[in-house]
Amino acid sequence: MKTKAILIGVATSVACASGASAADIPLAAAPEPIDYVRVCDAYGAGFYYIPGTDTCLNVSGRVRAEYRLFDFDQAFRQGIQAPSQARDFDSTEFRARGYIYMDSRTNTEFGLLRTYTELYGTVDGAGPVDMTLEHAYIQFGGFTFGRGQSFYDFVNYSTYASVFTPQVSDQKTNLAAYTFVFGNGFSSSLSIEDAESRRTEIGGPYSTTTTSVVGFDSSGNPITATTTTGVGYGGTKYPDLVANLRVDQGWGSAQLMGAMHQVWPGYRAEGTASSKIGFAAGGGVLVNLPFGMNTALNLTGTYANGASSYASTSTTGFFSPRGFLVETVDASFNPATGDIETAQAWSVSGGVGTQITPEVGFALQGGFFQLSDQVDSNNSFSNVDVQGDVTYSPGNIDGFEMGVGVEYRNVNPNEDGAGQGDAYAGYFRAERTF
């Protein structure tokens, strides 16, 4: 009996002690709710809400590898190299490029607020990484502020256009614009854009000229010419003014566009020439054809007076660091009048692309550009470009594509002692967009 009483007493004491200890221990706080990343389907696939905000964000990217072959004839090379430098001329090139895209959208009481950023880095051969801010703009209530595609441009490449840029205006620039939306696919934009990004050169002689070696003939003998130093641009006074009228519907899209560009010469010892207003006018159309798969035809044309880069961004006749040394000008100084005279340029470009099968695509692109300088005919030249490529996209792999392309350029300069030149390029590309 004594043993039983002792055990009961011990058990009672432990129970009481346990009850007292439990009352003294604070309860653990309830776990905070987890703020999961939520899908935002209001703007299409790939958007999600930034946690704690009502802003939707899409982050995507692209990785590209390219392997290039070049073949330039002697006439094409003679503007920059002597025959003894033939071994210094690149015939192959490896390229790697990576893109990052960020698209944010917030629905406000005043309408959609959007920001868009595109950044890419490129390495050619063993060269350093070349970073480029392609786009960085804000859109709100019809306004666009920042860096983006010029509102003059109607860019619809059918091909990769990897080596030689087709003869169209394709300019990323800093701008401020407003777009009027009329409905039924019609819109119109008015934009002020950075004038410096559209400048080429103001040529023409000073009162003295210099004779220099401009190239070498097939025997290695130097070709000399009387060269002149251009007047050059002065400081930026006014932005370019750009306007367009556009329609986007099920059949395709079309655009009419115009631009005004100030040609402001720098100071010269003989005096200061007055400025001129250059201009450009053009149109483009993209038509979805009712045969094949994803078949489309594009055509673009521009006439420019004192604003050559609106006729073609690829207006130098070469791609650095290989090709013709052809000076492109917006105007030239005329010593007979003491003033500048604007140069005329025009271009036309067209292409067609289609899917032969759901996995295999084919495209062709061609273009022509011509520049005429009435003061210094050495600045006059023309370009012809023809391009084609075949692409393959495995049907079960999203965003992956491989392709081969060939490109041809003929440069016909009016430079003293320089003849026509031909350039060929071929390449293989593999890229993944995700």
Foldseek 3Di string as FASTA:
>chain_A
DVVVVVVVVVVVVVVVVVVVVVVVDDDDDDDDDDQDWAADPPVHPQWTDDGPDQKIKHKWKKKKKKKKAKDWDPLFFFQPDFPVCPVVDDGIKIKIKMKIKMWMWHQDPQGIKIWIWMKMWMDIHPDDIDIDGADTWIDGNQKIFFKYWPPQFDDDDQDPCPFPNFQAQTDIWGKIKGKADDDPQKIKMKMFTAQVSQAFWAAAADPDWDKDFRGADPVRHTDIDTDGGFQGADDDDGTKIKMKIKGQDPQWIKMKIKIKHKRHGDADPVGGAHIDIKMKIKMKTKGQDPDAARKIKIKIKMKIWLRQSRRGVSPQQHDPPGGHRAGAHQWYQAPVVRHIGGKIKMKMKMKIKHAPDPFKIKMKIKMKMWIQYPRDQQNTKMKIKIKMKMKGDPPVDPFKIKMKMKMKMWIAGPHPPRGIIIMIMIMIMIMGID
